[in-house]
């Protein structure tokens, strides 16, 4: 008799990737502050490269006007 799978099938990592956790870090999500620290330098660099400072100031002023400040 054939075996029957019950429930959702779980994907397994390939054996060569199974033990690749950096510095013993647990699998899962990272802390939001760490994610923010990773993203902010990239965002500032993109703003500087593409001249987005004026657009950022204009958008901030528009939001402040909508709030009423």
Protein backbone atom coordinates (compact mmCIF):
# COMPACT_ATOMS: atom_id res chain seq x y z
CA UNK A 1 0.00 0.00 0.00
CA UNK A 2 1.26 3.48 -0.85
CA UNK A 3 1.99 5.97 1.89
CA UNK A 4 -0.30 8.95 2.16
CA UNK A 5 0.87 12.44 3.01
CA UNK A 6 -1.27 14.31 5.47
CA UNK A 7 -1.00 18.05 5.86
CA UNK A 8 1.09 20.50 3.91
CA UNK A 9 4.41 19.33 2.54
CA UNK A 10 7.45 21.08 4.00
CA UNK A 11 10.38 21.95 1.80
CA UNK A 12 13.78 20.85 3.02
CA UNK A 13 16.96 22.78 2.47
CA UNK A 14 19.66 21.08 0.41
CA UNK A 15 22.19 19.28 2.56
CA UNK A 16 25.01 21.68 1.60
CA UNK A 17 22.98 24.64 2.89
CA UNK A 18 21.52 22.97 5.96
CA UNK A 19 24.39 23.91 8.26
CA UNK A 20 25.03 27.45 6.96
CA UNK A 21 23.72 29.63 9.76
CA UNK A 22 26.05 32.63 10.17
CA UNK A 23 27.81 32.55 13.53
CA UNK A 24 25.21 30.23 15.01
CA UNK A 25 22.39 32.76 14.59
CA UNK A 26 18.93 31.30 14.95
CA UNK A 27 16.79 31.11 11.84
CA UNK A 28 13.92 33.58 11.63
CA UNK A 29 13.42 37.31 11.36
CA UNK A 30 15.91 39.97 12.39
CA UNK A 31 15.25 42.74 14.86
CA UNK A 32 13.56 45.81 13.29
CA UNK A 33 16.35 48.13 14.50
CA UNK A 34 18.92 45.97 12.71
CA UNK A 35 16.84 46.04 9.53
CA UNK A 36 16.52 49.82 9.80
CA UNK A 37 20.28 50.19 10.30
CA UNK A 38 20.83 48.17 7.14
CA UNK A 39 18.34 50.13 5.02
CA UNK A 40 19.01 53.72 6.07
CA UNK A 41 22.52 54.03 4.58
CA UNK A 42 21.23 52.69 1.27
CA UNK A 43 18.31 55.13 1.33
CA UNK A 44 20.58 58.10 2.07
CA UNK A 45 22.94 57.05 -0.72
CA UNK A 46 20.09 56.81 -3.21
CA UNK A 47 18.74 60.20 -2.14
CA UNK A 48 22.17 61.77 -2.61
CA UNK A 49 22.86 60.09 -5.97
CA UNK A 50 19.54 60.90 -7.59
CA UNK A 51 18.97 64.34 -6.10
CA UNK A 52 16.05 63.32 -3.97
CA UNK A 53 16.66 65.81 -1.15
CA UNK A 54 14.40 68.43 -2.76
CA UNK A 55 11.68 65.87 -3.39
CA UNK A 56 11.94 64.61 0.19
CA UNK A 57 11.62 68.14 1.56
CA UNK A 58 8.64 68.88 -0.71
CA UNK A 59 6.89 65.67 0.28
CA UNK A 60 7.56 66.26 3.98
CA UNK A 61 6.11 69.77 3.74
CA UNK A 62 3.03 68.46 1.96
CA UNK A 63 2.43 65.83 4.65
CA UNK A 64 2.95 68.42 7.38
CA UNK A 65 0.41 70.72 5.68
CA UNK A 66 -2.10 67.84 5.53
CA UNK A 67 -1.63 67.16 9.23
CA UNK A 68 -1.99 70.85 9.93
CA UNK A 69 1.37 71.68 11.43
